[in-house]
Amino acid sequence: MMVRDASSHRASSYDHTGGNVDWVIVKPGETKSFAEIAGAGCIKHFYWTYIIEKEETRKHLFRDLILRMYWDGETAASVESPIGDFFGISNATPRPIKSLGLVVNPGADSNDLSWGLNSYFPMPFAKGARIEVTNEGPVDLGIWYHIDYETYPTPPAWMNTAGRFHAQFRHERTKAYAAPKGANSDGKENYTILEATGRGSLAGYVLGVDNISGGWWGEGDDMVFIDGETWPPSFHGTGSEEIFGGGACPNVEYSGPYTGFHLVENREGDKWFGKNAMYRLFVNDPIRFDKSIRVTIEHGHADDQGNDYSSVAFWYQNEPHATFAPLPAKDERAPYVYGTDPCIEGAIEAERLLKTAEHSKDPAQGIRFPGTWSNARFLFFIANAPDDFITLRVPVESDGEYDISLYLAKASDFGVFQLKVDGKDVGAPFDAYNGAGGESPTHVVRAENVPFGSLKLPAGEHTFEFRVVGKNDRATNYYMGIDCILLKRK
């Protein structure tokens, strides 16, 4: 190993009385200095941890404690981010990370109670460094920390060409579109991860996606525009999972040296629904720029999904850096809170009948999908041929004559089915082809309150069979989607 003319140091929260109270308390509204270093040096490792039992307090810790770093006497911070997001804790939800730049490790007994967070990004400076945190939340926050660094008697030669480390947090609730846009040939409405001017290189980023829409959210391509170029940019990807090194549509968590999908919540058992987070580090393949860089990603194909995006970009550049966009306000950047999914009044949710359903060999599942669906889901039956069927056992509370109507899904790969109730045809065959066409997965639309006639039904359980009888000439398959069933007593 190379021997350098350098001195090693640590700034930490140790108890200066020699006792064991080795943490600091940051009160609401307080700014506390973690390190003030004179002269030339380089930060090598930044560690911190906490022990907090209350979930609400942890949320304040991750998003309300703001980390700022200043190099060489500058007055505008080169690093500005909620402390949790800087260390890879997207959406205030910790998960293990085992990368070269960021490492997140669990504590004892309860992963929620305490995590150890580490940054190994080198952070050089020639004339001094200042690291501080500000508590913008309503409660006291206690943390332990180490900042390991080395100093040099004079700035070494490599310091003259070394860019300064920068990091910036961004957040946006992206806009959902009622109908597919089709193509994206400019990238103007993409989510922006970084926009910087000057000369430098992109070192990586952490991306958090609160998938509110449901279904697979990651058809968005990354587009990196270098030195003011227009579309198509020098870097144009093919989908979100490819950026982070995964196979198609990851719904399991993984973490590696350069890439990771370290948070996949699969909330309420729905694949991809809820909180997701991932990272990409450009350790061996930095993206270089001479004048400017704009790092973006589509939110759904052609920016057609409305979800909650947050990110921290890491990069090196020569100073001075451009003024950062204002840090999102406290309430705006608060972690997204999921509510109860609305249901159509009186609806019998098809996906809730799957446990007792019978069907041909083809798979059937309840899926959460972008759009307006009762209970935010519909039953998706992957039928592949005529006579494929699925039978649902539908409860009827009391004897009577009922108008039967259905809320259904239509798509370019959906077939034609006949509804049978207790073995008898009810209504006409329904063609579920979406004539508007479109490209998966943005082509699914809802057919509302489709009438299938009236029947006298005694109280008890009844079979509703949906049997494929063909498909539209333009349809590409025989799939079926059932949102809910409405029985209105006459």
Protein backbone atom coordinates (compact mmCIF):
# COMPACT_ATOMS: atom_id res chain seq x y z
CA MET A 1 0.00 0.00 0.00
CA MET A 2 1.12 3.55 -0.75
CA VAL A 3 2.60 5.49 2.19
CA ARG A 4 1.47 9.12 2.06
CA ASP A 5 2.46 12.28 3.87
CA ALA A 6 -0.87 12.46 5.69
CA SER A 7 -2.37 12.41 9.17
CA SER A 8 -5.43 10.33 10.10
CA HIS A 9 -8.23 11.73 12.25
CA ARG A 10 -11.77 11.11 13.43
CA ALA A 11 -14.50 13.58 14.36
CA SER A 12 -17.15 11.82 16.45
CA SER A 13 -19.90 12.17 19.02
CA TYR A 14 -17.85 10.60 21.82
CA ASP A 15 -18.44 11.75 25.41
CA HIS A 16 -15.76 14.40 26.03
CA THR A 17 -16.04 13.86 29.81
CA GLY A 18 -14.81 10.28 29.48
CA GLY A 19 -18.28 8.89 30.18
CA ASN A 20 -20.47 6.75 27.96
CA VAL A 21 -22.97 9.32 26.67
CA ASP A 22 -21.54 8.99 23.18
CA TRP A 23 -24.35 10.58 21.23
CA VAL A 24 -25.54 14.08 20.39
CA ILE A 25 -29.05 15.48 20.59
CA VAL A 26 -30.19 17.81 17.82
CA LYS A 27 -33.17 19.84 18.99
CA PRO A 28 -35.97 21.15 16.71
CA GLY A 29 -34.69 24.13 14.75
CA GLU A 30 -31.08 23.54 15.83
CA THR A 31 -28.07 23.32 13.50
CA LYS A 32 -25.24 21.25 14.94
CA SER A 33 -21.70 20.99 13.57
CA PHE A 34 -20.38 17.46 13.14
CA ALA A 35 -16.95 18.45 11.82
CA GLU A 36 -14.95 21.60 11.07
CA ILE A 37 -11.60 20.80 9.49
CA ALA A 38 -8.92 23.31 8.52
CA GLY A 39 -6.50 23.01 5.61
CA ALA A 40 -6.27 20.28 3.00
CA GLY A 41 -7.65 16.79 3.47
CA CYS A 42 -10.08 14.11 2.40
CA ILE A 43 -13.01 12.51 4.20
CA LYS A 44 -12.81 8.74 3.81
CA HIS A 45 -15.72 7.37 5.84
CA PHE A 46 -18.88 8.78 7.42
CA TYR A 47 -20.83 6.57 9.84
CA TRP A 48 -23.87 7.23 12.00
CA THR A 49 -26.54 5.30 13.86
CA TYR A 50 -29.55 5.80 16.12
CA ILE A 51 -31.77 3.93 18.58
CA ILE A 52 -35.38 5.06 18.15
CA GLU A 53 -38.41 2.99 19.10
CA LYS A 54 -41.21 5.14 17.65
CA GLU A 55 -41.81 4.78 13.92
CA GLU A 56 -43.04 8.37 13.59
CA THR A 57 -39.84 9.69 15.19
CA ARG A 58 -37.74 7.60 12.79
CA LYS A 59 -39.58 9.19 9.86
CA HIS A 60 -38.66 12.61 11.21
CA LEU A 61 -35.06 11.49 11.60
CA PHE A 62 -34.71 10.26 8.02
CA ARG A 63 -36.47 13.15 6.25
CA ASP A 64 -36.32 16.12 8.68
CA LEU A 65 -32.65 15.98 9.70
CA ILE A 66 -30.91 17.83 6.86
CA LEU A 67 -27.25 17.08 6.11
CA ARG A 68 -25.08 19.80 4.56
CA MET A 69 -21.39 19.81 3.61
CA TYR A 70 -19.22 22.75 2.59
CA TRP A 71 -15.75 22.69 1.01
CA ASP A 72 -12.97 25.28 0.90
CA GLY A 73 -14.87 28.08 2.63
CA GLU A 74 -17.86 28.11 0.28
CA THR A 75 -21.14 29.57 1.55
CA ALA A 76 -23.48 27.45 -0.62
CA ALA A 77 -23.49 23.80 0.43
CA SER A 78 -22.10 21.20 -1.99
CA VAL A 79 -24.14 18.52 -0.22
CA GLU A 80 -27.77 19.09 0.79
CA SER A 81 -30.06 16.18 1.56
CA PRO A 82 -32.22 14.61 4.24
CA ILE A 83 -29.73 12.45 6.09
CA GLY A 84 -31.65 9.22 5.51
CA ASP A 85 -31.84 9.61 1.74
CA PHE A 86 -28.15 10.52 1.51
CA PHE A 87 -27.28 7.13 3.01
CA GLY A 88 -29.75 5.19 0.85
CA ILE A 89 -32.76 5.19 3.20
CA SER A 90 -35.36 6.07 0.58
CA ASN A 91 -38.92 6.79 1.68
CA ALA A 92 -37.83 6.52 5.35
CA THR A 93 -37.70 2.72 5.01
CA PRO A 94 -34.30 1.12 5.80
CA ARG A 95 -33.01 -1.98 4.05
CA PRO A 96 -29.51 -3.54 3.96
CA ILE A 97 -27.14 -2.10 1.35
CA LYS A 98 -23.81 -3.74 0.47
CA SER A 99 -22.28 -1.40 -2.09
CA LEU A 100 -18.86 0.16 -2.51
CA GLY A 101 -20.12 3.66 -1.78
CA LEU A 102 -22.96 3.10 0.70
CA VAL A 103 -23.34 0.38 3.33
CA VAL A 104 -26.39 -0.02 5.58
CA ASN A 105 -26.28 -2.69 8.31
CA PRO A 106 -28.94 -3.78 10.84
CA GLY A 107 -28.66 -3.51 14.59
CA ALA A 108 -29.71 -6.03 17.24
CA ASP A 109 -33.16 -7.55 17.77
CA SER A 110 -35.21 -5.16 15.65
CA ASN A 111 -34.20 -3.85 12.28
CA ASP A 112 -36.58 -0.97 12.82
CA LEU A 113 -35.02 0.06 16.12
CA SER A 114 -31.50 0.79 14.86
CA TRP A 115 -29.44 0.68 11.67
CA GLY A 116 -25.81 1.56 11.02
CA LEU A 117 -25.31 3.80 7.99
CA ASN A 118 -22.01 4.29 6.18
CA SER A 119 -20.68 6.37 3.29
CA TYR A 120 -17.34 5.58 1.66
CA PHE A 121 -17.35 8.29 -1.01
CA PRO A 122 -14.00 10.12 -0.89
CA MET A 123 -14.54 13.84 -0.28
CA PRO A 124 -11.41 15.95 -0.91
CA PHE A 125 -10.89 19.59 0.09
CA ALA A 126 -7.96 22.02 -0.17
CA LYS A 127 -8.84 24.80 2.29
CA GLY A 128 -11.17 23.23 4.82
CA ALA A 129 -14.41 21.31 5.31
CA ARG A 130 -17.55 21.82 7.35
CA ILE A 131 -20.25 19.20 7.97
CA GLU A 132 -23.46 20.05 9.81
CA VAL A 133 -27.03 18.89 10.33
CA THR A 134 -30.22 20.90 10.89
CA ASN A 135 -33.28 19.47 12.58
CA GLU A 136 -36.34 20.75 10.70
CA GLY A 137 -38.65 18.36 12.55
CA PRO A 138 -40.73 18.69 15.73
CA VAL A 139 -38.83 16.30 18.05
CA ASP A 140 -35.36 15.88 19.54
CA LEU A 141 -33.18 13.54 17.46
CA GLY A 142 -30.26 11.65 18.98
CA ILE A 143 -27.50 10.05 16.90
CA TRP A 144 -24.00 8.61 17.18
CA TYR A 145 -21.50 9.46 14.43
CA HIS A 146 -17.92 9.02 13.19
CA ILE A 147 -16.30 11.02 10.39
CA ASP A 148 -12.93 9.52 9.45
CA TYR A 149 -10.59 11.71 7.43
CA GLU A 150 -6.99 12.49 6.66
CA THR A 151 -5.21 15.83 6.38
CA TYR A 152 -2.17 16.90 4.36
CA PRO A 153 0.54 19.46 5.21
CA THR A 154 -0.07 21.09 1.84
CA PRO A 155 -2.58 20.27 -0.90
CA PRO A 156 -1.14 17.29 -2.83
CA ALA A 157 -0.72 17.57 -6.59
CA TRP A 158 -3.76 15.42 -7.30
CA MET A 159 -5.91 17.91 -5.39
CA ASN A 160 -5.53 20.42 -8.24
CA THR A 161 -7.57 18.26 -10.61
CA ALA A 162 -9.83 16.47 -8.13
CA GLY A 163 -13.46 17.53 -8.32
CA ARG A 164 -15.30 18.30 -5.12
CA PHE A 165 -17.95 15.88 -3.91
CA HIS A 166 -21.58 16.95 -4.34
CA ALA A 167 -24.94 15.44 -3.45
CA GLN A 168 -28.45 16.77 -3.93
CA PHE A 169 -31.90 15.53 -2.93
CA ARG A 170 -34.90 15.96 -5.20
CA HIS A 171 -38.57 15.01 -4.92
CA GLU A 172 -41.60 15.14 -7.21
CA ARG A 173 -45.12 13.73 -7.33
CA THR A 174 -45.18 12.93 -11.02
CA LYS A 175 -48.23 13.56 -13.18
CA ALA A 176 -50.48 10.72 -14.32
CA TYR A 177 -52.03 10.85 -17.77
CA ALA A 178 -55.54 9.62 -18.51
CA ALA A 179 -54.50 8.09 -21.83
CA PRO A 180 -51.16 6.75 -23.11
CA LYS A 181 -48.93 9.33 -24.75
CA GLY A 182 -47.34 6.71 -26.99
CA ALA A 183 -43.81 7.97 -27.61
CA ASN A 184 -41.33 10.13 -25.73
CA SER A 185 -39.07 11.90 -28.20
CA ASP A 186 -37.76 14.74 -26.06
CA GLY A 187 -37.52 13.68 -22.39
CA LYS A 188 -38.83 17.05 -21.24
CA GLU A 189 -41.35 15.62 -18.76
CA ASN A 190 -39.00 13.02 -17.28
CA TYR A 191 -38.25 13.04 -13.56
CA THR A 192 -34.98 14.97 -13.06
CA ILE A 193 -32.43 13.33 -10.78
CA LEU A 194 -29.64 15.85 -11.36
CA GLU A 195 -29.09 19.08 -13.24
CA ALA A 196 -25.60 20.56 -12.86
CA THR A 197 -23.31 22.91 -14.76
CA GLY A 198 -19.53 22.89 -14.87
CA ARG A 199 -17.00 20.12 -15.44
CA GLY A 200 -17.20 16.84 -13.59
CA SER A 201 -18.47 13.28 -13.47
CA LEU A 202 -21.55 11.47 -12.20
CA ALA A 203 -20.68 9.08 -9.36
CA GLY A 204 -24.10 7.53 -8.80
CA TYR A 205 -27.58 8.01 -7.45
CA VAL A 206 -30.22 6.53 -5.18
CA LEU A 207 -33.79 6.52 -6.49
CA GLY A 208 -36.93 6.02 -4.41
CA VAL A 209 -40.34 5.33 -5.94
CA ASP A 210 -43.53 5.20 -3.92
CA ASN A 211 -45.59 3.19 -6.41
CA ILE A 212 -49.04 4.60 -5.78
CA SER A 213 -50.46 3.51 -9.14
CA GLY A 214 -49.72 -0.18 -8.66
CA GLY A 215 -48.54 -2.74 -11.18
CA TRP A 216 -45.10 -2.61 -12.71
CA TRP A 217 -43.96 1.00 -12.55
CA GLY A 218 -40.53 0.68 -14.14
CA GLU A 219 -40.99 0.97 -17.90
CA GLY A 220 -39.24 4.33 -17.64
CA ASP A 221 -35.98 4.71 -19.55
CA ASP A 222 -33.05 6.68 -18.16
CA MET A 223 -31.85 9.58 -20.31
CA VAL A 224 -28.63 11.46 -19.50
CA PHE A 225 -28.13 14.68 -21.45
CA ILE A 226 -24.49 15.83 -21.57
CA ASP A 227 -23.21 19.33 -22.34
CA GLY A 228 -26.54 20.71 -23.50
CA GLU A 229 -27.36 18.03 -26.05
CA THR A 230 -30.93 17.43 -27.21
CA TRP A 231 -32.83 14.18 -27.59
CA PRO A 232 -31.68 11.50 -28.22
CA PRO A 233 -28.99 11.92 -25.55
CA SER A 234 -25.62 10.19 -25.34
CA PHE A 235 -27.02 7.87 -22.66
CA HIS A 236 -30.46 6.42 -23.37
CA GLY A 237 -31.57 3.30 -21.50
CA THR A 238 -34.26 0.69 -22.06
CA GLY A 239 -36.08 0.52 -18.72
CA SER A 240 -35.69 1.14 -15.03
CA GLU A 241 -34.61 -2.35 -13.96
CA GLU A 242 -31.77 -2.30 -16.49
CA ILE A 243 -30.27 0.80 -14.86
CA PHE A 244 -29.97 -1.03 -11.55
CA GLY A 245 -28.66 -4.32 -12.94
CA GLY A 246 -31.77 -6.43 -12.41
CA GLY A 247 -33.72 -8.91 -14.46
CA ALA A 248 -37.14 -8.00 -15.79
CA CYS A 249 -39.48 -6.40 -13.23
CA PRO A 250 -37.71 -7.27 -9.94
CA ASN A 251 -40.00 -7.95 -7.02
CA VAL A 252 -37.29 -9.27 -4.67
CA GLU A 253 -34.62 -7.22 -2.94
CA TYR A 254 -30.93 -7.43 -3.81
CA SER A 255 -27.78 -5.40 -3.17
CA GLY A 256 -24.38 -5.50 -4.86
CA PRO A 257 -21.21 -3.41 -5.20
CA TYR A 258 -22.53 -1.16 -7.97
CA THR A 259 -26.26 -1.83 -8.32
CA GLY A 260 -29.20 -2.75 -6.13
CA PHE A 261 -32.96 -2.95 -5.79
CA HIS A 262 -32.60 -2.80 -2.02
CA LEU A 263 -36.25 -2.00 -1.19
CA VAL A 264 -39.25 -3.73 -2.79
CA GLU A 265 -42.17 -3.57 -0.38
CA ASN A 266 -44.78 -5.55 -2.35
CA ARG A 267 -47.33 -3.85 -0.13
CA GLU A 268 -50.47 -5.82 0.77
CA GLY A 269 -49.11 -8.72 -1.27
CA ASP A 270 -49.34 -6.75 -4.53
CA LYS A 271 -46.15 -7.03 -6.56
CA TRP A 272 -44.28 -3.70 -6.87
CA PHE A 273 -47.00 -1.74 -5.03
CA GLY A 274 -45.75 0.54 -2.30
CA LYS A 275 -42.21 1.61 -1.51
CA ASN A 276 -39.32 0.79 -3.84
CA ALA A 277 -35.71 1.97 -3.78
CA MET A 278 -32.62 1.27 -5.84
CA TYR A 279 -29.12 2.56 -6.52
CA ARG A 280 -26.53 2.73 -9.29
CA LEU A 281 -22.90 3.65 -8.58
CA PHE A 282 -20.65 4.66 -11.47
CA VAL A 283 -17.38 3.62 -9.78
CA ASN A 284 -15.60 2.17 -12.81
CA ASP A 285 -17.68 3.92 -15.46
CA PRO A 286 -18.26 7.55 -14.41
CA ILE A 287 -20.37 9.64 -16.77
CA ARG A 288 -18.23 12.66 -17.59
CA PHE A 289 -19.32 16.13 -18.62
CA ASP A 290 -17.46 19.31 -19.58
CA LYS A 291 -20.21 21.93 -19.44
CA SER A 292 -23.38 20.43 -17.97
CA ILE A 293 -25.31 17.28 -17.20
CA ARG A 294 -29.00 16.49 -16.81
CA VAL A 295 -29.82 13.03 -15.45
CA THR A 296 -33.45 12.01 -15.95
CA ILE A 297 -35.73 8.99 -15.94
CA GLU A 298 -39.19 8.43 -17.37
CA HIS A 299 -41.97 7.86 -14.84
CA GLY A 300 -43.59 4.99 -16.70
CA HIS A 301 -43.30 4.61 -20.45
CA ALA A 302 -43.45 8.07 -22.04
CA ASP A 303 -44.00 9.57 -18.55
CA ASP A 304 -47.54 8.26 -18.21
CA GLN A 305 -47.61 7.23 -14.52
CA GLY A 306 -48.25 9.34 -11.45
CA ASN A 307 -46.07 8.16 -8.56
CA ASP A 308 -43.96 9.68 -5.78
CA TYR A 309 -40.30 9.99 -6.82
CA SER A 310 -37.33 11.02 -4.68
CA SER A 311 -33.60 10.79 -5.30
CA VAL A 312 -30.11 11.74 -4.23
CA ALA A 313 -27.48 12.22 -6.93
CA PHE A 314 -23.75 11.97 -6.16
CA TRP A 315 -21.21 13.67 -8.40
CA TYR A 316 -17.81 15.35 -8.51
CA GLN A 317 -17.17 18.67 -10.20
CA ASN A 318 -14.93 21.70 -10.25
CA GLU A 319 -16.16 24.60 -8.17
CA PRO A 320 -18.07 26.80 -8.19
CA HIS A 321 -21.19 24.71 -8.58
CA ALA A 322 -24.51 26.13 -9.78
CA THR A 323 -27.12 27.08 -7.21
CA PHE A 324 -29.14 24.06 -6.16
CA ALA A 325 -32.88 23.93 -6.67
CA PRO A 326 -34.51 24.73 -3.31
CA LEU A 327 -34.82 21.78 -0.95
CA PRO A 328 -38.46 20.64 -1.01
CA ALA A 329 -40.43 21.93 1.96
CA LYS A 330 -40.80 19.70 5.01
CA ASP A 331 -44.42 18.72 4.36
CA GLU A 332 -43.77 18.15 0.66
CA ARG A 333 -40.88 15.76 1.23
CA ALA A 334 -42.60 13.84 4.05
CA PRO A 335 -42.77 10.09 3.32
CA TYR A 336 -45.90 9.14 1.42
CA VAL A 337 -48.67 7.68 3.59
CA TYR A 338 -50.89 5.03 2.02
CA GLY A 339 -54.61 5.17 2.69
CA THR A 340 -57.51 2.79 2.15
CA ASP A 341 -58.31 1.99 -1.47
CA PRO A 342 -61.82 3.14 -2.43
CA CYS A 343 -64.35 0.55 -3.56
CA ILE A 344 -67.50 0.98 -5.62
CA GLU A 345 -70.47 0.94 -3.24
CA GLY A 346 -72.08 -2.48 -3.11
CA ALA A 347 -69.43 -4.07 -5.33
CA ILE A 348 -68.36 -7.69 -4.98
CA GLU A 349 -64.63 -7.54 -5.64
CA ALA A 350 -63.64 -10.25 -8.11
CA GLU A 351 -60.06 -10.59 -6.86
CA ARG A 352 -61.37 -11.35 -3.33
CA LEU A 353 -63.15 -14.44 -4.68
CA LEU A 354 -59.97 -16.09 -5.94
CA LYS A 355 -59.49 -18.34 -2.90
CA THR A 356 -62.56 -20.40 -3.81
CA ALA A 357 -62.35 -19.94 -7.59
CA GLU A 358 -61.98 -22.76 -10.09
CA HIS A 359 -60.32 -22.25 -13.43
CA SER A 360 -58.52 -23.95 -16.27
CA LYS A 361 -54.78 -24.46 -15.99
CA ASP A 362 -54.01 -20.85 -16.86
CA PRO A 363 -52.93 -18.59 -13.96
CA ALA A 364 -55.29 -16.14 -12.29
CA GLN A 365 -54.34 -13.39 -9.87
CA GLY A 366 -55.50 -10.13 -8.40
CA ILE A 367 -53.30 -7.31 -9.62
CA ARG A 368 -53.02 -3.66 -8.74
CA PHE A 369 -52.85 -1.65 -11.93
CA PRO A 370 -52.61 2.03 -12.87
CA GLY A 371 -56.01 3.58 -13.44
CA THR A 372 -59.32 3.74 -11.60
CA TRP A 373 -60.31 0.31 -10.33
CA SER A 374 -62.56 -0.64 -7.44
CA ASN A 375 -60.27 -1.59 -4.56
CA ALA A 376 -57.45 -0.45 -6.91
CA ARG A 377 -57.21 -3.96 -8.38
CA PHE A 378 -58.80 -6.33 -10.83
CA LEU A 379 -58.77 -10.09 -11.33
CA PHE A 380 -56.43 -10.94 -14.20
CA PHE A 381 -56.98 -14.34 -15.83
CA ILE A 382 -54.29 -15.34 -18.32
CA ALA A 383 -56.49 -17.37 -20.66
CA ASN A 384 -54.80 -18.63 -23.81
CA ALA A 385 -57.47 -20.39 -25.87
CA PRO A 386 -61.23 -20.80 -26.41
CA ASP A 387 -62.97 -22.74 -23.61
CA ASP A 388 -60.52 -21.53 -20.98
CA PHE A 389 -62.62 -20.50 -17.99
CA ILE A 390 -62.68 -19.15 -14.48
CA THR A 391 -65.61 -19.74 -12.09
CA LEU A 392 -66.22 -17.46 -9.12
CA ARG A 393 -68.47 -18.31 -6.18
CA VAL A 394 -70.58 -15.20 -5.63
CA PRO A 395 -72.60 -14.72 -2.41
CA VAL A 396 -76.21 -13.48 -2.56
CA GLU A 397 -77.62 -12.21 0.73
CA SER A 398 -81.37 -12.67 0.14
CA ASP A 399 -83.90 -14.07 -2.33
CA GLY A 400 -84.86 -11.73 -5.15
CA GLU A 401 -84.55 -10.64 -8.74
CA TYR A 402 -81.26 -8.88 -9.45
CA ASP A 403 -79.87 -6.74 -12.24
CA ILE A 404 -76.38 -8.05 -12.98
CA SER A 405 -73.68 -5.67 -14.14
CA LEU A 406 -69.91 -5.92 -14.26
CA TYR A 407 -66.93 -3.61 -14.26
CA LEU A 408 -64.42 -5.17 -16.64
CA ALA A 409 -60.97 -4.62 -18.08
CA LYS A 410 -60.37 -4.20 -21.80
CA ALA A 411 -57.03 -4.43 -23.60
CA SER A 412 -55.52 -5.20 -26.97
CA ASP A 413 -54.68 -8.75 -25.82
CA PHE A 414 -58.03 -9.56 -24.16
CA GLY A 415 -60.54 -12.01 -25.62
CA VAL A 416 -64.32 -12.54 -25.84
CA PHE A 417 -66.09 -14.32 -22.97
CA GLN A 418 -69.57 -15.56 -22.14
CA LEU A 419 -70.94 -15.18 -18.62
CA LYS A 420 -72.80 -18.19 -17.21
CA VAL A 421 -74.62 -18.01 -13.87
CA ASP A 422 -75.33 -21.40 -12.32
CA GLY A 423 -74.61 -22.96 -15.71
CA LYS A 424 -76.91 -20.74 -17.81
CA ASP A 425 -75.82 -18.10 -20.31
CA VAL A 426 -76.50 -14.57 -19.08
CA GLY A 427 -76.28 -11.65 -21.47
CA ALA A 428 -74.38 -11.53 -24.73
CA PRO A 429 -70.71 -12.47 -25.19
CA PHE A 430 -68.47 -9.59 -24.15
CA ASP A 431 -65.63 -8.50 -26.43
CA ALA A 432 -62.86 -7.22 -24.12
CA TYR A 433 -60.65 -5.95 -26.94
CA ASN A 434 -59.62 -2.34 -26.44
CA GLY A 435 -60.06 -0.80 -29.84
CA ALA A 436 -57.81 2.10 -28.90
CA GLY A 437 -54.88 -0.33 -28.97
CA GLY A 438 -51.63 0.72 -27.37
CA GLU A 439 -48.49 -0.86 -26.05
CA SER A 440 -48.30 -2.96 -22.88
CA PRO A 441 -48.55 -2.12 -20.04
CA THR A 442 -50.32 1.18 -20.72
CA HIS A 443 -53.17 -0.12 -22.85
CA VAL A 444 -55.60 -1.45 -20.22
CA VAL A 445 -58.86 0.49 -19.78
CA ARG A 446 -62.02 -0.10 -17.74
CA ALA A 447 -65.49 -0.85 -19.12
CA GLU A 448 -67.92 0.44 -16.51
CA ASN A 449 -71.27 -0.92 -15.39
CA VAL A 450 -71.68 -3.35 -18.31
CA PRO A 451 -75.24 -4.84 -18.12
CA PHE A 452 -75.78 -8.60 -18.36
CA GLY A 453 -79.52 -8.74 -17.71
CA SER A 454 -81.64 -9.83 -14.74
CA LEU A 455 -82.02 -13.12 -12.86
CA LYS A 456 -83.99 -14.47 -9.93
CA LEU A 457 -81.44 -15.64 -7.39
CA PRO A 458 -82.14 -17.35 -4.07
CA ALA A 459 -80.00 -16.51 -1.07
CA GLY A 460 -76.72 -18.40 -0.95
CA GLU A 461 -73.70 -18.97 -3.15
CA HIS A 462 -73.91 -18.94 -6.94
CA THR A 463 -71.39 -19.81 -9.64
CA PHE A 464 -70.40 -17.09 -12.10
CA GLU A 465 -68.45 -18.72 -14.91
CA PHE A 466 -66.48 -16.61 -17.38
CA ARG A 467 -65.67 -18.78 -20.40
CA VAL A 468 -63.60 -17.71 -23.41
CA VAL A 469 -65.57 -18.10 -26.65
CA GLY A 470 -63.14 -16.41 -29.04
CA LYS A 471 -61.36 -13.13 -29.64
CA ASN A 472 -61.52 -10.05 -31.78
CA ASP A 473 -59.60 -10.40 -35.06
CA ARG A 474 -57.27 -7.64 -33.91
CA ALA A 475 -56.72 -9.02 -30.38
CA THR A 476 -53.38 -10.68 -29.70
CA ASN A 477 -54.58 -13.10 -27.00
CA TYR A 478 -57.53 -14.35 -24.92
CA TYR A 479 -56.80 -12.70 -21.57
CA MET A 480 -59.57 -11.58 -19.22
CA GLY A 481 -59.89 -8.90 -16.54
CA ILE A 482 -62.76 -8.64 -14.03
CA ASP A 483 -62.87 -5.65 -11.70
CA CYS A 484 -66.08 -6.23 -9.72
CA ILE A 485 -69.64 -7.58 -9.83
CA LEU A 486 -72.74 -5.55 -8.97
CA LEU A 487 -76.03 -7.19 -8.01
CA LYS A 488 -78.80 -4.61 -7.75
CA ARG A 489 -82.09 -5.92 -6.33
CA LYS A 490 -85.10 -4.88 -8.40
